[in-house]
PDB file of N, CA and C in Angstrom:
ATOM      1  N   MET A   1     -52.631  43.131 103.131  1.00  0.00           N
ATOM      2  CA  MET A   1     -51.520  42.724 101.866  1.00  0.00           C
ATOM      3  C   MET A   1     -49.824  44.091 101.966  1.00  0.00           C
ATOM      4  N   ASP A   2     -49.337  44.409 101.660  1.00  0.00           N
ATOM      5  CA  ASP A   2     -48.350  45.354 101.747  1.00  0.00           C
ATOM      6  C   ASP A   2     -48.877  46.243 100.426  1.00  0.00           C
ATOM      7  N   GLY A   3     -48.199  47.456 100.745  1.00  0.00           N
ATOM      8  CA  GLY A   3     -48.520  48.201  99.633  1.00  0.00           C
ATOM      9  C   GLY A   3     -47.804  47.471  97.666  1.00  0.00           C
ATOM     10  N   VAL A   4     -47.100  46.870  98.136  1.00  0.00           N
ATOM     11  CA  VAL A   4     -46.112  46.466  96.797  1.00  0.00           C
ATOM     12  C   VAL A   4     -46.810  45.827  96.168  1.00  0.00           C
ATOM     13  N   ASN A   5     -47.304  44.823  96.691  1.00  0.00           N
ATOM     14  CA  ASN A   5     -48.916  43.982  95.607  1.00  0.00           C
ATOM     15  C   ASN A   5     -50.099  44.094  95.549  1.00  0.00           C
ATOM     16  N   ASN A   6     -50.251  45.302  96.201  1.00  0.00           N
ATOM     17  CA  ASN A   6     -51.486  45.867  95.895  1.00  0.00           C
ATOM     18  C   ASN A   6     -52.035  46.347  95.186  1.00  0.00           C
ATOM     19  N   LEU A   7     -52.496  46.316  93.613  1.00  0.00           N
ATOM     20  CA  LEU A   7     -52.684  47.165  93.035  1.00  0.00           C
ATOM     21  C   LEU A   7     -54.009  47.751  92.184  1.00  0.00           C
ATOM     22  N   THR A   8     -54.550  48.150  93.371  1.00  0.00           N
ATOM     23  CA  THR A   8     -55.829  49.195  93.228  1.00  0.00           C
ATOM     24  C   THR A   8     -56.027  49.766  92.548  1.00  0.00           C
ATOM     25  N   GLY A   9     -56.637  50.723  92.193  1.00  0.00           N
ATOM     26  CA  GLY A   9     -56.856  52.312  91.817  1.00  0.00           C
ATOM     27  C   GLY A   9     -57.159  52.437  90.573  1.00  0.00           C
ATOM     28  N   GLY A  10     -56.567  54.236  90.116  1.00  0.00           N
ATOM     29  CA  GLY A  10     -57.270  54.071  88.717  1.00  0.00           C
ATOM     30  C   GLY A  10     -56.486  53.496  87.507  1.00  0.00           C
ATOM     31  N   GLY A  11     -56.860  53.538  86.241  1.00  0.00           N
ATOM     32  CA  GLY A  11     -56.188  52.440  85.357  1.00  0.00           C
ATOM     33  C   GLY A  11     -55.394  53.184  84.322  1.00  0.00           C
ATOM     34  N   SER A  12     -55.223  54.499  84.572  1.00  0.00           N
ATOM     35  CA  SER A  12     -55.136  54.856  83.209  1.00  0.00           C
ATOM     36  C   SER A  12     -53.153  54.925  83.424  1.00  0.00           C
ATOM     37  N   PRO A  13     -53.139  55.897  84.546  1.00  0.00           N
ATOM     38  CA  PRO A  13     -50.973  56.070  84.618  1.00  0.00           C
ATOM     39  C   PRO A  13     -50.582  54.689  85.455  1.00  0.00           C
ATOM     40  N   PRO A  14     -49.926  54.787  85.029  1.00  0.00           N
ATOM     41  CA  PRO A  14     -49.455  53.759  86.624  1.00  0.00           C
ATOM     42  C   PRO A  14     -49.049  53.683  88.335  1.00  0.00           C
ATOM     43  N   HIS A  15     -48.945  52.740  88.504  1.00  0.00           N
ATOM     44  CA  HIS A  15     -49.582  52.908  89.596  1.00  0.00           C
ATOM     45  C   HIS A  15     -48.125  53.377  90.478  1.00  0.00           C
ATOM     46  N   ASP A  16     -46.769  52.880  90.574  1.00  0.00           N
ATOM     47  CA  ASP A  16     -45.781  53.325  90.930  1.00  0.00           C
ATOM     48  C   ASP A  16     -45.440  54.445  89.739  1.00  0.00           C
ATOM     49  N   PRO A  17     -45.447  55.527  90.655  1.00  0.00           N
ATOM     50  CA  PRO A  17     -44.836  57.168  89.335  1.00  0.00           C
ATOM     51  C   PRO A  17     -43.168  56.895  89.351  1.00  0.00           C
ATOM     52  N   GLY A  18     -42.636  56.798  89.982  1.00  0.00           N
ATOM     53  CA  GLY A  18     -41.056  55.923  89.388  1.00  0.00           C
ATOM     54  C   GLY A  18     -41.146  54.830  88.290  1.00  0.00           C
ATOM     55  N   MET A  19     -42.065  54.248  88.292  1.00  0.00           N
ATOM     56  CA  MET A  19     -42.134  52.961  87.112  1.00  0.00           C
ATOM     57  C   MET A  19     -41.256  53.688  85.878  1.00  0.00           C
ATOM     58  N   GLU A  20     -42.636  54.389  85.258  1.00  0.00           N
ATOM     59  CA  GLU A  20     -41.825  55.191  83.802  1.00  0.00           C
ATOM     60  C   GLU A  20     -40.122  55.347  83.876  1.00  0.00           C
ATOM     61  N   ALA A  21     -39.717  56.043  84.763  1.00  0.00           N
ATOM     62  CA  ALA A  21     -38.325  56.731  85.094  1.00  0.00           C
ATOM     63  C   ALA A  21     -37.736  55.117  84.728  1.00  0.00           C
ATOM     64  N   ARG A  22     -36.875  53.971  85.479  1.00  0.00           N
ATOM     65  CA  ARG A  22     -36.981  52.168  85.373  1.00  0.00           C
ATOM     66  C   ARG A  22     -37.336  52.039  83.881  1.00  0.00           C
ATOM     67  N   VAL A  23     -37.957  52.152  83.609  1.00  0.00           N
ATOM     68  CA  VAL A  23     -38.326  51.222  82.682  1.00  0.00           C
ATOM     69  C   VAL A  23     -37.435  52.061  81.019  1.00  0.00           C
ATOM     70  N   ALA A  24     -37.764  53.109  81.392  1.00  0.00           N
ATOM     71  CA  ALA A  24     -36.920  53.864  80.795  1.00  0.00           C
ATOM     72  C   ALA A  24     -35.515  53.699  80.673  1.00  0.00           C
ATOM     73  N   VAL A  25     -34.503  53.116  81.924  1.00  0.00           N
ATOM     74  CA  VAL A  25     -33.624  53.225  82.183  1.00  0.00           C
ATOM     75  C   VAL A  25     -33.128  51.783  81.576  1.00  0.00           C
ATOM     76  N   ARG A  26     -34.359  50.323  81.277  1.00  0.00           N
ATOM     77  CA  ARG A  26     -34.147  49.715  80.936  1.00  0.00           C
ATOM     78  C   ARG A  26     -34.103  49.514  79.676  1.00  0.00           C
ATOM     79  N   GLU A  27     -35.125  50.429  79.184  1.00  0.00           N
ATOM     80  CA  GLU A  27     -34.786  50.042  78.102  1.00  0.00           C
ATOM     81  C   GLU A  27     -33.440  50.899  77.265  1.00  0.00           C
ATOM     82  N   GLU A  28     -33.109  51.935  78.316  1.00  0.00           N
ATOM     83  CA  GLU A  28     -31.746  52.714  77.180  1.00  0.00           C
ATOM     84  C   GLU A  28     -30.795  51.041  77.346  1.00  0.00           C
ATOM     85  N   ILE A  29     -30.772  50.424  78.334  1.00  0.00           N
ATOM     86  CA  ILE A  29     -29.776  49.493  78.861  1.00  0.00           C
ATOM     87  C   ILE A  29     -30.137  48.528  78.010  1.00  0.00           C
ATOM     88  N   ALA A  30     -30.826  48.333  77.497  1.00  0.00           N
ATOM     89  CA  ALA A  30     -31.279  47.000  75.932  1.00  0.00           C
ATOM     90  C   ALA A  30     -30.619  47.728  74.804  1.00  0.00           C
ATOM     91  N   ALA A  31     -30.845  48.706  74.457  1.00  0.00           N
ATOM     92  CA  ALA A  31     -30.412  50.126  73.715  1.00  0.00           C
ATOM     93  C   ALA A  31     -28.542  49.649  73.154  1.00  0.00           C
ATOM     94  N   SER A  32     -27.943  49.703  74.157  1.00  0.00           N
ATOM     95  CA  SER A  32     -26.255  50.265  74.550  1.00  0.00           C
ATOM     96  C   SER A  32     -26.502  48.429  73.879  1.00  0.00           C
ATOM     97  N   THR A  33     -27.468  47.379  74.893  1.00  0.00           N
ATOM     98  CA  THR A  33     -26.650  46.192  75.024  1.00  0.00           C
ATOM     99  C   THR A  33     -26.813  45.738  73.291  1.00  0.00           C
ATOM    100  N   LYS A  34     -27.938  46.059  73.023  1.00  0.00           N
ATOM    101  CA  LYS A  34     -28.458  45.795  71.452  1.00  0.00           C
ATOM    102  C   LYS A  34     -26.885  46.430  70.416  1.00  0.00           C
ATOM    103  N   GLN A  35     -26.494  47.421  70.996  1.00  0.00           N
ATOM    104  CA  GLN A  35     -25.393  48.228  69.584  1.00  0.00           C
ATOM    105  C   GLN A  35     -23.809  47.383  70.453  1.00  0.00           C
ATOM    106  N   ALA A  36     -23.494  47.347  71.502  1.00  0.00           N
ATOM    107  CA  ALA A  36     -22.640  46.243  71.574  1.00  0.00           C
ATOM    108  C   ALA A  36     -22.349  44.667  70.876  1.00  0.00           C
ATOM    109  N   MET A  37     -23.775  44.143  71.180  1.00  0.00           N
ATOM    110  CA  MET A  37     -23.873  42.721  70.482  1.00  0.00           C
ATOM    111  C   MET A  37     -23.433  42.644  69.414  1.00  0.00           C
ATOM    112  N   ALA A  38     -24.177  44.211  68.523  1.00  0.00           N
ATOM    113  CA  ALA A  38     -23.268  43.903  67.282  1.00  0.00           C
ATOM    114  C   ALA A  38     -22.443  44.215  66.652  1.00  0.00           C
ATOM    115  N   GLY A  39     -21.916  45.104  67.677  1.00  0.00           N
ATOM    116  CA  GLY A  39     -20.181  45.500  67.888  1.00  0.00           C
ATOM    117  C   GLY A  39     -19.398  44.063  68.290  1.00  0.00           C
ATOM    118  N   LEU A  40     -20.168  43.383  68.422  1.00  0.00           N
ATOM    119  CA  LEU A  40     -19.483  41.648  69.243  1.00  0.00           C
ATOM    120  C   LEU A  40     -19.501  41.182  68.278  1.00  0.00           C
ATOM    121  N   GLN A  41     -20.289  41.056  67.364  1.00  0.00           N
ATOM    122  CA  GLN A  41     -20.523  40.569  66.023  1.00  0.00           C
ATOM    123  C   GLN A  41     -19.623  40.723  65.069  1.00  0.00           C
ATOM    124  N   GLN A  42     -19.735  42.089  64.742  1.00  0.00           N
ATOM    125  CA  GLN A  42     -18.599  42.078  63.837  1.00  0.00           C
ATOM    126  C   GLN A  42     -17.273  42.161  63.811  1.00  0.00           C
ATOM    127  N   GLU A  43     -16.618  41.763  64.939  1.00  0.00           N
ATOM    128  CA  GLU A  43     -15.578  41.671  65.783  1.00  0.00           C
ATOM    129  C   GLU A  43     -15.546  39.908  65.514  1.00  0.00           C
ATOM    130  N   VAL A  44     -16.261  39.437  66.032  1.00  0.00           N
ATOM    131  CA  VAL A  44     -15.959  38.047  65.624  1.00  0.00           C
ATOM    132  C   VAL A  44     -16.165  37.114  63.926  1.00  0.00           C
ATOM    133  N   HIS A  45     -16.819  38.076  63.169  1.00  0.00           N
ATOM    134  CA  HIS A  45     -16.360  37.899  62.251  1.00  0.00           C
ATOM    135  C   HIS A  45     -15.400  38.231  61.221  1.00  0.00           C
ATOM    136  N   ASP A  46     -14.839  39.499  61.674  1.00  0.00           N
ATOM    137  CA  ASP A  46     -13.327  39.959  61.481  1.00  0.00           C
ATOM    138  C   ASP A  46     -12.557  38.728  62.242  1.00  0.00           C
ATOM    139  N   LEU A  47     -12.328  38.781  63.107  1.00  0.00           N
ATOM    140  CA  LEU A  47     -11.717  37.717  63.729  1.00  0.00           C
ATOM    141  C   LEU A  47     -11.447  36.441  63.192  1.00  0.00           C
ATOM    142  N   ARG A  48     -12.836  35.880  62.475  1.00  0.00           N
ATOM    143  CA  ARG A  48     -13.305  34.464  62.034  1.00  0.00           C
ATOM    144  C   ARG A  48     -11.917  34.316  60.656  1.00  0.00           C
ATOM    145  N   SER A  49     -12.603  35.621  59.758  1.00  0.00           N
ATOM    146  CA  SER A  49     -12.293  35.949  58.590  1.00  0.00           C
ATOM    147  C   SER A  49     -10.401  35.285  58.366  1.00  0.00           C
ATOM    148  N   ASP A  50      -9.851  36.717  59.304  1.00  0.00           N
ATOM    149  CA  ASP A  50      -8.523  36.822  60.101  1.00  0.00           C
ATOM    150  C   ASP A  50      -7.768  35.361  60.305  1.00  0.00           C
ATOM    151  N   THR A  51      -9.130  34.876  61.011  1.00  0.00           N
ATOM    152  CA  THR A  51      -7.913  32.930  61.076  1.00  0.00           C
ATOM    153  C   THR A  51      -7.980  32.687  60.241  1.00  0.00           C
ATOM    154  N   ASN A  52      -9.319  32.390  59.295  1.00  0.00           N
ATOM    155  CA  ASN A  52      -9.463  31.249  58.061  1.00  0.00           C
ATOM    156  C   ASN A  52      -8.131  31.688  56.603  1.00  0.00           C
ATOM    157  N   ARG A  53      -7.690  33.059  57.207  1.00  0.00           N
ATOM    158  CA  ARG A  53      -6.918  33.350  56.351  1.00  0.00           C
ATOM    159  C   ARG A  53      -5.103  32.655  56.558  1.00  0.00           C
ATOM    160  N   ARG A  54      -5.243  33.021  57.615  1.00  0.00           N
ATOM    161  CA  ARG A  54      -3.858  32.722  58.464  1.00  0.00           C
ATOM    162  C   ARG A  54      -4.207  31.228  58.729  1.00  0.00           C
ATOM    163  N   ILE A  55      -4.857  30.415  58.050  1.00  0.00           N
ATOM    164  CA  ILE A  55      -4.794  28.747  59.032  1.00  0.00           C
ATOM    165  C   ILE A  55      -4.725  28.301  57.594  1.00  0.00           C
ATOM    166  N   ASP A  56      -5.370  29.202  56.586  1.00  0.00           N
ATOM    167  CA  ASP A  56      -5.041  28.549  55.095  1.00  0.00           C
ATOM    168  C   ASP A  56      -3.647  28.737  54.253  1.00  0.00           C
ATOM    169  N   SER A  57      -3.073  29.883  54.822  1.00  0.00           N
ATOM    170  CA  SER A  57      -1.025  30.456  54.721  1.00  0.00           C
ATOM    171  C   SER A  57      -0.400  29.221  54.830  1.00  0.00           C
ATOM    172  N   LEU A  58      -0.689  28.434  56.570  1.00  0.00           N
ATOM    173  CA  LEU A  58      -0.433  27.969  57.177  1.00  0.00           C
ATOM    174  C   LEU A  58      -0.496  26.376  56.787  1.00  0.00           C
ATOM    175  N   ARG A  59      -2.132  26.772  56.320  1.00  0.00           N
ATOM    176  CA  ARG A  59      -1.935  25.431  55.402  1.00  0.00           C
ATOM    177  C   ARG A  59      -0.890  25.068  54.519  1.00  0.00           C
ATOM    178  N   ASP A  60      -1.030  25.822  53.913  1.00  0.00           N
ATOM    179  CA  ASP A  60      -0.051  25.429  52.244  1.00  0.00           C
ATOM    180  C   ASP A  60       1.738  25.401  52.761  1.00  0.00           C
ATOM    181  N   ALA A  61       1.922  26.171  53.758  1.00  0.00           N
ATOM    182  CA  ALA A  61       3.239  25.907  54.191  1.00  0.00           C
ATOM    183  C   ALA A  61       3.703  25.002  54.721  1.00  0.00           C
ATOM    184  N   VAL A  62       2.445  24.370  55.220  1.00  0.00           N
ATOM    185  CA  VAL A  62       2.794  23.048  55.655  1.00  0.00           C
ATOM    186  C   VAL A  62       3.141  22.096  54.569  1.00  0.00           C
ATOM    187  N   GLU A  63       2.307  22.126  53.611  1.00  0.00           N
ATOM    188  CA  GLU A  63       1.977  20.745  52.790  1.00  0.00           C
ATOM    189  C   GLU A  63       3.419  21.110  51.966  1.00  0.00           C
ATOM    190  N   SER A  64       3.938  22.092  51.690  1.00  0.00           N
ATOM    191  CA  SER A  64       5.130  23.000  50.602  1.00  0.00           C
ATOM    192  C   SER A  64       6.053  21.836  51.770  1.00  0.00           C
ATOM    193  N   ASP A  65       6.331  22.202  52.838  1.00  0.00           N
ATOM    194  CA  ASP A  65       7.456  21.894  53.978  1.00  0.00           C
ATOM    195  C   ASP A  65       7.155  20.059  53.276  1.00  0.00           C
ATOM    196  N   PHE A  66       6.272  19.282  53.606  1.00  0.00           N
ATOM    197  CA  PHE A  66       6.090  18.207  53.884  1.00  0.00           C
ATOM    198  C   PHE A  66       6.922  17.633  52.739  1.00  0.00           C
ATOM    199  N   ARG A  67       6.071  18.058  51.273  1.00  0.00           N
ATOM    200  CA  ARG A  67       6.759  17.754  50.358  1.00  0.00           C
ATOM    201  C   ARG A  67       8.250  17.870  50.202  1.00  0.00           C
ATOM    202  N   ILE A  68       8.867  18.524  51.050  1.00  0.00           N
ATOM    203  CA  ILE A  68      10.826  19.108  50.775  1.00  0.00           C
ATOM    204  C   ILE A  68      10.576  17.577  51.477  1.00  0.00           C
ATOM    205  N   LEU A  69      10.354  17.273  52.826  1.00  0.00           N
ATOM    206  CA  LEU A  69      10.801  16.676  53.552  1.00  0.00           C
ATOM    207  C   LEU A  69      10.684  15.245  52.926  1.00  0.00           C
ATOM    208  N   PHE A  70       9.192  15.297  52.549  1.00  0.00           N
ATOM    209  CA  PHE A  70       9.093  13.028  51.874  1.00  0.00           C
ATOM    210  C   PHE A  70      10.025  13.035  50.979  1.00  0.00           C
ATOM    211  N   GLY A  71      10.348  14.449  50.239  1.00  0.00           N
ATOM    212  CA  GLY A  71      11.388  13.813  48.801  1.00  0.00           C
ATOM    213  C   GLY A  71      12.955  14.069  49.705  1.00  0.00           C
ATOM    214  N   ALA A  72      13.240  14.598  51.073  1.00  0.00           N
ATOM    215  CA  ALA A  72      14.360  14.602  51.152  1.00  0.00           C
ATOM    216  C   ALA A  72      14.367  12.621  52.242  1.00  0.00           C
ATOM    217  N   ILE A  73      13.550  12.792  52.644  1.00  0.00           N
ATOM    218  CA  ILE A  73      13.795  10.877  53.233  1.00  0.00           C
ATOM    219  C   ILE A  73      13.682   9.941  51.831  1.00  0.00           C
ATOM    220  N   ILE A  74      13.006   9.826  50.342  1.00  0.00           N
ATOM    221  CA  ILE A  74      12.925   8.814  49.799  1.00  0.00           C
ATOM    222  C   ILE A  74      14.560   9.625  49.232  1.00  0.00           C
ATOM    223  N   SER A  75      14.903  10.861  49.034  1.00  0.00           N
ATOM    224  CA  SER A  75      16.685  10.181  48.401  1.00  0.00           C
ATOM    225  C   SER A  75      17.368  10.284  48.982  1.00  0.00           C
ATOM    226  N   VAL A  76      16.979  10.057  50.815  1.00  0.00           N
ATOM    227  CA  VAL A  76      17.555   9.595  51.758  1.00  0.00           C
ATOM    228  C   VAL A  76      17.852   8.056  51.338  1.00  0.00           C
ATOM    229  N   ALA A  77      16.459   7.162  51.316  1.00  0.00           N
ATOM    230  CA  ALA A  77      16.591   6.525  51.533  1.00  0.00           C
ATOM    231  C   ALA A  77      17.575   5.486  50.358  1.00  0.00           C
ATOM    232  N   LEU A  78      17.042   6.385  49.310  1.00  0.00           N
ATOM    233  CA  LEU A  78      17.881   5.810  47.876  1.00  0.00           C
ATOM    234  C   LEU A  78      19.159   5.629  47.913  1.00  0.00           C
ATOM    235  N   GLY A  79      20.006   6.682  48.055  1.00  0.00           N
ATOM    236  CA  GLY A  79      21.304   6.853  48.300  1.00  0.00           C
ATOM    237  C   GLY A  79      21.793   5.577  49.457  1.00  0.00           C
ATOM    238  N   LEU A  80      20.777   5.424  50.800  1.00  0.00           N
ATOM    239  CA  LEU A  80      21.760   4.614  51.154  1.00  0.00           C
ATOM    240  C   LEU A  80      21.635   3.170  50.535  1.00  0.00           C
ATOM    241  N   ALA A  81      20.107   3.045  49.881  1.00  0.00           N
ATOM    242  CA  ALA A  81      20.431   1.779  49.413  1.00  0.00           C
ATOM    243  C   ALA A  81      21.500   1.460  48.677  1.00  0.00           C
ATOM    244  N   ALA A  82      21.622   2.414  47.266  1.00  0.00           N
ATOM    245  CA  ALA A  82      22.937   2.635  46.610  1.00  0.00           C
ATOM    246  C   ALA A  82      24.234   2.322  46.883  1.00  0.00           C
ATOM    247  N   LEU A  83      24.304   3.139  48.461  1.00  0.00           N
ATOM    248  CA  LEU A  83      25.870   2.631  49.321  1.00  0.00           C
ATOM    249  C   LEU A  83      25.699   1.847  49.819  1.00  0.00           C
ATOM    250  N   MET A  84      24.589   0.804  50.058  1.00  0.00           N
ATOM    251  CA  MET A  84      24.252  -0.508  50.307  1.00  0.00           C
ATOM    252  C   MET A  84      24.998  -1.762  49.904  1.00  0.00           C
ATOM    253  N   ALA A  85      24.489  -1.450  47.993  1.00  0.00           N
ATOM    254  CA  ALA A  85      24.666  -2.181  47.116  1.00  0.00           C
ATOM    255  C   ALA A  85      26.039  -2.398  46.900  1.00  0.00           C
ATOM    256  N   ASN A  86      26.320  -1.026  46.584  1.00  0.00           N
ATOM    257  CA  ASN A  86      27.858  -0.501  46.487  1.00  0.00           C
ATOM    258  C   ASN A  86      29.237  -1.754  46.870  1.00  0.00           C
ATOM    259  N   GLY A  87      28.603  -1.167  48.674  1.00  0.00           N
ATOM    260  CA  GLY A  87      29.045  -1.760  49.927  1.00  0.00           C
ATOM    261  C   GLY A  87      29.181  -2.991  49.449  1.00  0.00           C
ATOM    262  N   PHE A  88      28.665  -4.435  49.151  1.00  0.00           N
ATOM    263  CA  PHE A  88      28.201  -5.752  48.729  1.00  0.00           C
ATOM    264  C   PHE A  88      28.216  -5.698  47.519  1.00  0.00           C
ATOM    265  N   HIS A  89      29.000  -5.104  46.831  1.00  0.00           N
ATOM    266  CA  HIS A  89      28.910  -5.421  45.103  1.00  0.00           C
ATOM    267  C   HIS A  89      28.070  -5.825  44.518  1.00  0.00           C
ATOM    268  N   TRP A  90      26.809  -5.185  44.966  1.00  0.00           N
ATOM    269  CA  TRP A  90      25.606  -5.769  43.965  1.00  0.00           C
ATOM    270  C   TRP A  90      25.853  -5.216  42.401  1.00  0.00           C
ATOM    271  N   PHE A  91      26.720  -4.382  42.307  1.00  0.00           N
ATOM    272  CA  PHE A  91      26.659  -3.504  41.291  1.00  0.00           C
ATOM    273  C   PHE A  91      27.896  -3.040  40.722  1.00  0.00           C
TER     274      PHE A  91
END
């Protein structure tokens, strides 16, 4: 076997002297990743809140526009019916 898979030796310190440094780098990367993820989670939460507020205001505007449009359609239909009734001498 080569030296990579051969783990014979004492018991206390690591077999590879550079292992502690590599593990420390990985732990630092994990800590920075955890902080970045927390920041991203907060940004996503803020973005969702802002999006929900915008959707609610848009929904209110659409509802108001629908009521105005529906009222205009009813008014035009009644006006056209009255014009037709007058033209046919129904009243």
